[in-house]
Each structure stands twice: as structure tokens, then as C-alpha cells.
PDB file of N, CA and C in Angstrom:
ATOM      1  N   UNK A   1     121.044 112.987  70.994  1.00  0.00           N
ATOM      2  CA  UNK A   1     120.888 111.552  71.328  1.00  0.00           C
ATOM      3  C   UNK A   1     120.830 110.811  70.043  1.00  0.00           C
ATOM      4  N   UNK A   2     121.672 109.694  70.053  1.00  0.00           N
ATOM      5  CA  UNK A   2     121.832 108.816  68.946  1.00  0.00           C
ATOM      6  C   UNK A   2     121.199 107.444  69.178  1.00  0.00           C
ATOM      7  N   UNK A   3     120.189 107.017  68.374  1.00  0.00           N
ATOM      8  CA  UNK A   3     119.606 105.762  68.615  1.00  0.00           C
ATOM      9  C   UNK A   3     120.004 104.868  67.443  1.00  0.00           C
ATOM     10  N   UNK A   4     120.676 103.715  67.722  1.00  0.00           N
ATOM     11  CA  UNK A   4     121.062 102.772  66.600  1.00  0.00           C
ATOM     12  C   UNK A   4     119.876 102.128  66.067  1.00  0.00           C
ATOM     13  N   UNK A   5     119.699 102.127  64.811  1.00  0.00           N
ATOM     14  CA  UNK A   5     118.596 101.395  64.173  1.00  0.00           C
ATOM     15  C   UNK A   5     119.073  99.995  63.818  1.00  0.00           C
ATOM     16  N   UNK A   6     118.219  99.104  64.201  1.00  0.00           N
ATOM     17  CA  UNK A   6     118.551  97.661  63.962  1.00  0.00           C
ATOM     18  C   UNK A   6     117.687  97.263  62.762  1.00  0.00           C
ATOM     19  N   UNK A   7     118.291  96.480  61.850  1.00  0.00           N
ATOM     20  CA  UNK A   7     117.595  96.091  60.718  1.00  0.00           C
ATOM     21  C   UNK A   7     116.538  95.005  61.120  1.00  0.00           C
ATOM     22  N   UNK A   8     115.348  95.248  60.687  1.00  0.00           N
ATOM     23  CA  UNK A   8     114.269  94.276  60.993  1.00  0.00           C
ATOM     24  C   UNK A   8     114.122  93.267  59.947  1.00  0.00           C
ATOM     25  N   UNK A   9     113.875  92.034  60.358  1.00  0.00           N
ATOM     26  CA  UNK A   9     113.606  90.976  59.287  1.00  0.00           C
ATOM     27  C   UNK A   9     112.370  91.322  58.482  1.00  0.00           C
ATOM     28  N   UNK A  10     112.404  91.113  57.182  1.00  0.00           N
ATOM     29  CA  UNK A  10     111.348  91.287  56.346  1.00  0.00           C
ATOM     30  C   UNK A  10     110.187  90.342  56.693  1.00  0.00           C
ATOM     31  N   UNK A  11     108.941  90.943  56.694  1.00  0.00           N
ATOM     32  CA  UNK A  11     107.730  90.151  57.016  1.00  0.00           C
ATOM     33  C   UNK A  11     106.938  90.016  55.802  1.00  0.00           C
ATOM     34  N   UNK A  12     106.375  88.878  55.627  1.00  0.00           N
ATOM     35  CA  UNK A  12     105.406  88.710  54.494  1.00  0.00           C
ATOM     36  C   UNK A  12     104.099  88.365  55.114  1.00  0.00           C
ATOM     37  N   UNK A  13     103.116  88.943  54.527  1.00  0.00           N
ATOM     38  CA  UNK A  13     101.682  88.702  55.094  1.00  0.00           C
ATOM     39  C   UNK A  13     101.027  87.681  54.180  1.00  0.00           C
ATOM     40  N   UNK A  14     100.461  86.671  54.780  1.00  0.00           N
ATOM     41  CA  UNK A  14      99.611  85.727  54.115  1.00  0.00           C
ATOM     42  C   UNK A  14      98.161  85.921  54.479  1.00  0.00           C
ATOM     43  N   UNK A  15      97.379  85.704  53.470  1.00  0.00           N
ATOM     44  CA  UNK A  15      95.908  85.742  53.728  1.00  0.00           C
ATOM     45  C   UNK A  15      95.403  84.214  53.703  1.00  0.00           C
ATOM     46  N   UNK A  16      94.894  83.888  54.844  1.00  0.00           N
ATOM     47  CA  UNK A  16      94.471  82.430  54.937  1.00  0.00           C
ATOM     48  C   UNK A  16      92.941  82.409  54.992  1.00  0.00           C
ATOM     49  N   UNK A  17      92.377  81.616  54.183  1.00  0.00           N
ATOM     50  CA  UNK A  17      90.897  81.438  54.216  1.00  0.00           C
ATOM     51  C   UNK A  17      90.557  80.113  54.876  1.00  0.00           C
ATOM     52  N   UNK A  18      89.727  80.219  55.916  1.00  0.00           N
ATOM     53  CA  UNK A  18      89.365  79.006  56.663  1.00  0.00           C
ATOM     54  C   UNK A  18      87.800  78.820  56.563  1.00  0.00           C
ATOM     55  N   UNK A  19      87.396  77.584  56.563  1.00  0.00           N
ATOM     56  CA  UNK A  19      85.973  77.361  56.712  1.00  0.00           C
ATOM     57  C   UNK A  19      85.366  77.997  58.019  1.00  0.00           C
ATOM     58  N   UNK A  20      84.231  78.659  57.907  1.00  0.00           N
ATOM     59  CA  UNK A  20      83.688  79.293  59.012  1.00  0.00           C
ATOM     60  C   UNK A  20      83.361  78.350  60.217  1.00  0.00           C
ATOM     61  N   UNK A  21      82.941  77.202  59.779  1.00  0.00           N
ATOM     62  CA  UNK A  21      82.603  76.163  60.777  1.00  0.00           C
ATOM     63  C   UNK A  21      83.948  75.793  61.673  1.00  0.00           C
ATOM     64  N   UNK A  22      85.026  75.854  61.051  1.00  0.00           N
ATOM     65  CA  UNK A  22      86.289  75.553  61.796  1.00  0.00           C
ATOM     66  C   UNK A  22      86.586  76.635  62.873  1.00  0.00           C
ATOM     67  N   UNK A  23      86.311  77.888  62.469  1.00  0.00           N
ATOM     68  CA  UNK A  23      86.527  79.006  63.450  1.00  0.00           C
ATOM     69  C   UNK A  23      85.397  79.008  64.500  1.00  0.00           C
ATOM     70  N   UNK A  24      84.206  78.644  64.134  1.00  0.00           N
ATOM     71  CA  UNK A  24      83.129  78.528  65.006  1.00  0.00           C
ATOM     72  C   UNK A  24      83.306  77.360  66.032  1.00  0.00           C
ATOM     73  N   UNK A  25      83.977  76.333  65.548  1.00  0.00           N
ATOM     74  CA  UNK A  25      84.112  75.114  66.426  1.00  0.00           C
ATOM     75  C   UNK A  25      85.256  75.449  67.494  1.00  0.00           C
ATOM     76  N   UNK A  26      86.405  76.027  67.044  1.00  0.00           N
ATOM     77  CA  UNK A  26      87.497  76.249  67.920  1.00  0.00           C
ATOM     78  C   UNK A  26      87.615  77.623  68.444  1.00  0.00           C
ATOM     79  N   UNK A  27      87.055  78.603  67.845  1.00  0.00           N
ATOM     80  CA  UNK A  27      87.141  79.962  68.322  1.00  0.00           C
ATOM     81  C   UNK A  27      88.272  80.700  67.579  1.00  0.00           C
ATOM     82  N   UNK A  28      88.068  81.970  67.381  1.00  0.00           N
ATOM     83  CA  UNK A  28      89.094  82.782  66.597  1.00  0.00           C
ATOM     84  C   UNK A  28      90.462  82.699  67.269  1.00  0.00           C
ATOM     85  N   UNK A  29      90.440  82.906  68.589  1.00  0.00           N
ATOM     86  CA  UNK A  29      91.746  83.009  69.334  1.00  0.00           C
ATOM     87  C   UNK A  29      92.448  81.751  69.255  1.00  0.00           C
ATOM     88  N   UNK A  30      91.807  80.568  69.363  1.00  0.00           N
ATOM     89  CA  UNK A  30      92.433  79.218  69.342  1.00  0.00           C
ATOM     90  C   UNK A  30      93.054  79.018  67.991  1.00  0.00           C
ATOM     91  N   UNK A  31      92.322  79.369  66.889  1.00  0.00           N
ATOM     92  CA  UNK A  31      92.817  79.136  65.536  1.00  0.00           C
ATOM     93  C   UNK A  31      93.939  80.097  65.268  1.00  0.00           C
ATOM     94  N   UNK A  32      93.961  81.316  65.686  1.00  0.00           N
ATOM     95  CA  UNK A  32      95.021  82.167  65.551  1.00  0.00           C
ATOM     96  C   UNK A  32      96.274  81.672  66.263  1.00  0.00           C
ATOM     97  N   UNK A  33      96.137  81.192  67.428  1.00  0.00           N
ATOM     98  CA  UNK A  33      97.175  80.646  68.258  1.00  0.00           C
ATOM     99  C   UNK A  33      97.833  79.426  67.548  1.00  0.00           C
ATOM    100  N   UNK A  34      96.946  78.639  66.991  1.00  0.00           N
ATOM    101  CA  UNK A  34      97.439  77.402  66.319  1.00  0.00           C
ATOM    102  C   UNK A  34      98.280  77.858  65.077  1.00  0.00           C
ATOM    103  N   UNK A  35      97.778  78.811  64.306  1.00  0.00           N
ATOM    104  CA  UNK A  35      98.450  79.237  63.094  1.00  0.00           C
ATOM    105  C   UNK A  35      99.853  79.833  63.493  1.00  0.00           C
ATOM    106  N   UNK A  36      99.887  80.634  64.524  1.00  0.00           N
ATOM    107  CA  UNK A  36     101.152  81.214  64.956  1.00  0.00           C
ATOM    108  C   UNK A  36     102.130  80.120  65.421  1.00  0.00           C
ATOM    109  N   UNK A  37     101.630  79.057  66.070  1.00  0.00           N
ATOM    110  CA  UNK A  37     102.438  77.966  66.488  1.00  0.00           C
ATOM    111  C   UNK A  37     102.989  77.185  65.379  1.00  0.00           C
ATOM    112  N   UNK A  38     102.229  76.918  64.375  1.00  0.00           N
ATOM    113  CA  UNK A  38     102.680  76.303  63.170  1.00  0.00           C
ATOM    114  C   UNK A  38     103.726  77.112  62.477  1.00  0.00           C
ATOM    115  N   UNK A  39     103.585  78.451  62.370  1.00  0.00           N
ATOM    116  CA  UNK A  39     104.576  79.319  61.757  1.00  0.00           C
ATOM    117  C   UNK A  39     105.842  79.218  62.573  1.00  0.00           C
ATOM    118  N   UNK A  40     105.778  79.150  63.919  1.00  0.00           N
ATOM    119  CA  UNK A  40     106.987  79.102  64.777  1.00  0.00           C
ATOM    120  C   UNK A  40     107.707  77.686  64.546  1.00  0.00           C
ATOM    121  N   UNK A  41     106.929  76.605  64.490  1.00  0.00           N
ATOM    122  CA  UNK A  41     107.431  75.329  64.204  1.00  0.00           C
ATOM    123  C   UNK A  41     108.221  75.248  62.841  1.00  0.00           C
ATOM    124  N   UNK A  42     107.631  75.881  61.795  1.00  0.00           N
ATOM    125  CA  UNK A  42     108.234  75.961  60.473  1.00  0.00           C
ATOM    126  C   UNK A  42     109.526  76.725  60.564  1.00  0.00           C
ATOM    127  N   UNK A  43     109.625  77.729  61.300  1.00  0.00           N
ATOM    128  CA  UNK A  43     110.866  78.476  61.520  1.00  0.00           C
ATOM    129  C   UNK A  43     111.873  77.669  62.173  1.00  0.00           C
ATOM    130  N   UNK A  44     111.543  76.953  63.200  1.00  0.00           N
ATOM    131  CA  UNK A  44     112.489  76.077  63.945  1.00  0.00           C
ATOM    132  C   UNK A  44     112.985  75.013  63.028  1.00  0.00           C
ATOM    133  N   UNK A  45     112.038  74.419  62.242  1.00  0.00           N
ATOM    134  CA  UNK A  45     112.479  73.402  61.272  1.00  0.00           C
ATOM    135  C   UNK A  45     113.493  73.912  60.222  1.00  0.00           C
ATOM    136  N   UNK A  46     113.182  75.068  59.694  1.00  0.00           N
ATOM    137  CA  UNK A  46     114.106  75.795  58.829  1.00  0.00           C
ATOM    138  C   UNK A  46     115.473  75.931  59.423  1.00  0.00           C
ATOM    139  N   UNK A  47     115.556  76.516  60.664  1.00  0.00           N
ATOM    140  CA  UNK A  47     116.850  76.754  61.423  1.00  0.00           C
ATOM    141  C   UNK A  47     117.527  75.364  61.650  1.00  0.00           C
ATOM    142  N   UNK A  48     116.766  74.356  61.993  1.00  0.00           N
ATOM    143  CA  UNK A  48     117.360  73.079  62.314  1.00  0.00           C
ATOM    144  C   UNK A  48     117.992  72.440  61.017  1.00  0.00           C
ATOM    145  N   UNK A  49     117.383  72.653  59.913  1.00  0.00           N
ATOM    146  CA  UNK A  49     117.949  72.142  58.647  1.00  0.00           C
ATOM    147  C   UNK A  49     119.198  72.874  58.360  1.00  0.00           C
ATOM    148  N   UNK A  50     119.348  74.126  58.707  1.00  0.00           N
ATOM    149  CA  UNK A  50     120.623  74.882  58.510  1.00  0.00           C
ATOM    150  C   UNK A  50     121.685  74.327  59.416  1.00  0.00           C
ATOM    151  N   UNK A  51     121.379  74.005  60.568  1.00  0.00           N
ATOM    152  CA  UNK A  51     122.262  73.502  61.538  1.00  0.00           C
ATOM    153  C   UNK A  51     122.808  72.110  61.087  1.00  0.00           C
ATOM    154  N   UNK A  52     121.899  71.283  60.599  1.00  0.00           N
ATOM    155  CA  UNK A  52     122.259  69.983  60.029  1.00  0.00           C
ATOM    156  C   UNK A  52     123.212  70.119  58.918  1.00  0.00           C
ATOM    157  N   UNK A  53     122.851  71.094  58.007  1.00  0.00           N
ATOM    158  CA  UNK A  53     123.794  71.300  56.855  1.00  0.00           C
ATOM    159  C   UNK A  53     125.117  71.763  57.268  1.00  0.00           C
ATOM    160  N   UNK A  54     125.189  72.604  58.290  1.00  0.00           N
ATOM    161  CA  UNK A  54     126.556  72.964  58.728  1.00  0.00           C
ATOM    162  C   UNK A  54     127.258  71.956  59.445  1.00  0.00           C
ATOM    163  N   UNK A  55     126.553  71.080  60.169  1.00  0.00           N
ATOM    164  CA  UNK A  55     127.134  69.948  60.911  1.00  0.00           C
ATOM    165  C   UNK A  55     127.862  68.968  60.007  1.00  0.00           C
ATOM    166  N   UNK A  56     127.346  68.801  58.725  1.00  0.00           N
ATOM    167  CA  UNK A  56     127.967  67.952  57.853  1.00  0.00           C
ATOM    168  C   UNK A  56     129.253  68.494  57.241  1.00  0.00           C
ATOM    169  N   UNK A  57     129.523  69.789  57.412  1.00  0.00           N
ATOM    170  CA  UNK A  57     130.756  70.296  56.873  1.00  0.00           C
ATOM    171  C   UNK A  57     131.710  70.561  57.940  1.00  0.00           C
ATOM    172  N   UNK A  58     131.546  70.229  59.215  1.00  0.00           N
ATOM    173  CA  UNK A  58     132.444  70.448  60.307  1.00  0.00           C
ATOM    174  C   UNK A  58     133.213  69.107  60.525  1.00  0.00           C
ATOM    175  N   UNK A  59     134.489  69.214  60.656  1.00  0.00           N
ATOM    176  CA  UNK A  59     135.348  68.035  60.895  1.00  0.00           C
ATOM    177  C   UNK A  59     136.182  68.334  62.065  1.00  0.00           C
ATOM    178  N   UNK A  60     135.616  67.960  63.217  1.00  0.00           N
ATOM    179  CA  UNK A  60     136.256  68.257  64.464  1.00  0.00           C
ATOM    180  C   UNK A  60     137.566  67.421  64.739  1.00  0.00           C
ATOM    181  N   UNK A  61     137.608  66.274  64.083  1.00  0.00           N
ATOM    182  CA  UNK A  61     138.782  65.397  64.189  1.00  0.00           C
ATOM    183  C   UNK A  61     140.037  66.064  63.652  1.00  0.00           C
ATOM    184  N   UNK A  62     139.931  66.918  62.710  1.00  0.00           N
ATOM    185  CA  UNK A  62     141.090  67.534  62.129  1.00  0.00           C
ATOM    186  C   UNK A  62     141.128  69.014  62.288  1.00  0.00           C
ATOM    187  N   UNK A  63     140.339  69.592  63.202  1.00  0.00           N
ATOM    188  CA  UNK A  63     140.265  71.031  63.365  1.00  0.00           C
ATOM    189  C   UNK A  63     141.216  71.314  64.536  1.00  0.00           C
ATOM    190  N   UNK A  64     142.302  72.054  64.231  1.00  0.00           N
ATOM    191  CA  UNK A  64     143.351  72.334  65.263  1.00  0.00           C
ATOM    192  C   UNK A  64     142.796  73.293  66.353  1.00  0.00           C
ATOM    193  N   UNK A  65     141.944  74.214  66.014  1.00  0.00           N
ATOM    194  CA  UNK A  65     141.399  75.143  66.972  1.00  0.00           C
ATOM    195  C   UNK A  65     140.489  74.290  67.906  1.00  0.00           C
ATOM    196  N   UNK A  66     139.696  73.353  67.492  1.00  0.00           N
ATOM    197  CA  UNK A  66     138.842  72.575  68.357  1.00  0.00           C
ATOM    198  C   UNK A  66     139.705  71.706  69.247  1.00  0.00           C
ATOM    199  N   UNK A  67     140.810  71.144  68.783  1.00  0.00           N
ATOM    200  CA  UNK A  67     141.715  70.332  69.553  1.00  0.00           C
ATOM    201  C   UNK A  67     142.355  71.170  70.691  1.00  0.00           C
ATOM    202  N   UNK A  68     142.789  72.399  70.374  1.00  0.00           N
ATOM    203  CA  UNK A  68     143.347  73.240  71.339  1.00  0.00           C
ATOM    204  C   UNK A  68     142.360  73.642  72.430  1.00  0.00           C
ATOM    205  N   UNK A  69     141.095  73.942  72.037  1.00  0.00           N
ATOM    206  CA  UNK A  69     140.049  74.422  72.974  1.00  0.00           C
ATOM    207  C   UNK A  69     139.690  73.271  73.870  1.00  0.00           C
ATOM    208  N   UNK A  70     139.693  72.014  73.291  1.00  0.00           N
ATOM    209  CA  UNK A  70     139.294  70.868  74.052  1.00  0.00           C
ATOM    210  C   UNK A  70     140.280  70.610  75.157  1.00  0.00           C
ATOM    211  N   UNK A  71     141.598  70.726  74.759  1.00  0.00           N
ATOM    212  CA  UNK A  71     142.609  70.427  75.682  1.00  0.00           C
ATOM    213  C   UNK A  71     142.747  71.517  76.760  1.00  0.00           C
ATOM    214  N   UNK A  72     142.417  72.792  76.423  1.00  0.00           N
ATOM    215  CA  UNK A  72     142.450  73.833  77.418  1.00  0.00           C
ATOM    216  C   UNK A  72     141.252  73.672  78.399  1.00  0.00           C
ATOM    217  N   UNK A  73     140.082  73.261  77.884  1.00  0.00           N
ATOM    218  CA  UNK A  73     138.994  72.945  78.695  1.00  0.00           C
ATOM    219  C   UNK A  73     139.357  71.819  79.730  1.00  0.00           C
ATOM    220  N   UNK A  74     140.002  70.811  79.197  1.00  0.00           N
ATOM    221  CA  UNK A  74     140.367  69.615  80.056  1.00  0.00           C
ATOM    222  C   UNK A  74     141.364  70.160  81.133  1.00  0.00           C
ATOM    223  N   UNK A  75     142.257  70.972  80.707  1.00  0.00           N
ATOM    224  CA  UNK A  75     143.229  71.463  81.739  1.00  0.00           C
ATOM    225  C   UNK A  75     142.503  72.311  82.868  1.00  0.00           C
ATOM    226  N   UNK A  76     141.522  73.070  82.470  1.00  0.00           N
ATOM    227  CA  UNK A  76     140.825  73.875  83.408  1.00  0.00           C
ATOM    228  C   UNK A  76     139.838  73.191  84.292  1.00  0.00           C
ATOM    229  N   UNK A  77     139.242  72.168  83.767  1.00  0.00           N
ATOM    230  CA  UNK A  77     138.103  71.436  84.385  1.00  0.00           C
ATOM    231  C   UNK A  77     138.333  70.038  84.890  1.00  0.00           C
ATOM    232  N   UNK A  78     139.548  69.473  84.579  1.00  0.00           N
ATOM    233  CA  UNK A  78     139.801  67.974  84.866  1.00  0.00           C
ATOM    234  C   UNK A  78     139.709  67.738  86.374  1.00  0.00           C
ATOM    235  N   UNK A  79     140.040  68.744  87.194  1.00  0.00           N
ATOM    236  CA  UNK A  79     139.968  68.575  88.671  1.00  0.00           C
ATOM    237  C   UNK A  79     138.634  68.130  89.193  1.00  0.00           C
ATOM    238  N   UNK A  80     137.569  68.389  88.346  1.00  0.00           N
ATOM    239  CA  UNK A  80     136.268  68.141  88.760  1.00  0.00           C
ATOM    240  C   UNK A  80     135.936  66.601  88.504  1.00  0.00           C
ATOM    241  N   UNK A  81     136.725  65.956  87.603  1.00  0.00           N
ATOM    242  CA  UNK A  81     136.353  64.613  87.260  1.00  0.00           C
ATOM    243  C   UNK A  81     137.461  63.558  87.566  1.00  0.00           C
ATOM    244  N   UNK A  82     138.682  63.966  87.725  1.00  0.00           N
ATOM    245  CA  UNK A  82     139.763  63.049  88.049  1.00  0.00           C
ATOM    246  C   UNK A  82     139.570  62.524  89.523  1.00  0.00           C
ATOM    247  N   UNK A  83     139.601  61.170  89.586  1.00  0.00           N
ATOM    248  CA  UNK A  83     139.573  60.602  90.901  1.00  0.00           C
ATOM    249  C   UNK A  83     138.078  60.333  91.346  1.00  0.00           C
ATOM    250  N   UNK A  84     137.163  60.495  90.521  1.00  0.00           N
ATOM    251  CA  UNK A  84     135.740  60.257  90.993  1.00  0.00           C
ATOM    252  C   UNK A  84     135.352  58.792  90.864  1.00  0.00           C
ATOM    253  N   UNK A  85     136.051  58.051  90.088  1.00  0.00           N
ATOM    254  CA  UNK A  85     135.692  56.649  89.840  1.00  0.00           C
ATOM    255  C   UNK A  85     136.024  55.766  90.988  1.00  0.00           C
TER     256      UNK A  85
END
């Protein structure tokens, strides 16, 4: 039996020190959930910045593949929209 190994992303562990009163006020589980949510939001922000950077380099006006794909899509789907007005 062969099992394909997938490369796992590297993980870095951070040690976070919080005031005891904060954990007592909100509870360990709630603080942990909040920190995980913040890490997730940071990851989304990082990904969004990458998309924005890529978007600035894309020129759909002069991309022949995009023009062909758009025309093909219109040929296949125009029956859904023509004559609706």
C-alpha cells in the first residue's frame, strides 16, 4: 500500500503572556478562541494582500485568453439573458 505524503505548512509556535486578570475575566477558552480568530484574520488579510497585488498585474482588456473565454461563455449562456428586457 502506498500513501502519498503531503507537505505540511511549517508552523511556528508563539508564547503569549497575558495578564491573569484578563483570563479570569473572560475565561481560558474564550481567550484561546479569540487568539485563534485573530490569527485566522491575519491569515486572511495576508492572502487578500496577495490577491490585490496580483490584481494590479492583470490586464483583462488585452488578454486574448480572457477575451476568448468571455466570448465562449456568452455563446454558451446568452440564451438565458437575451430577450429578458
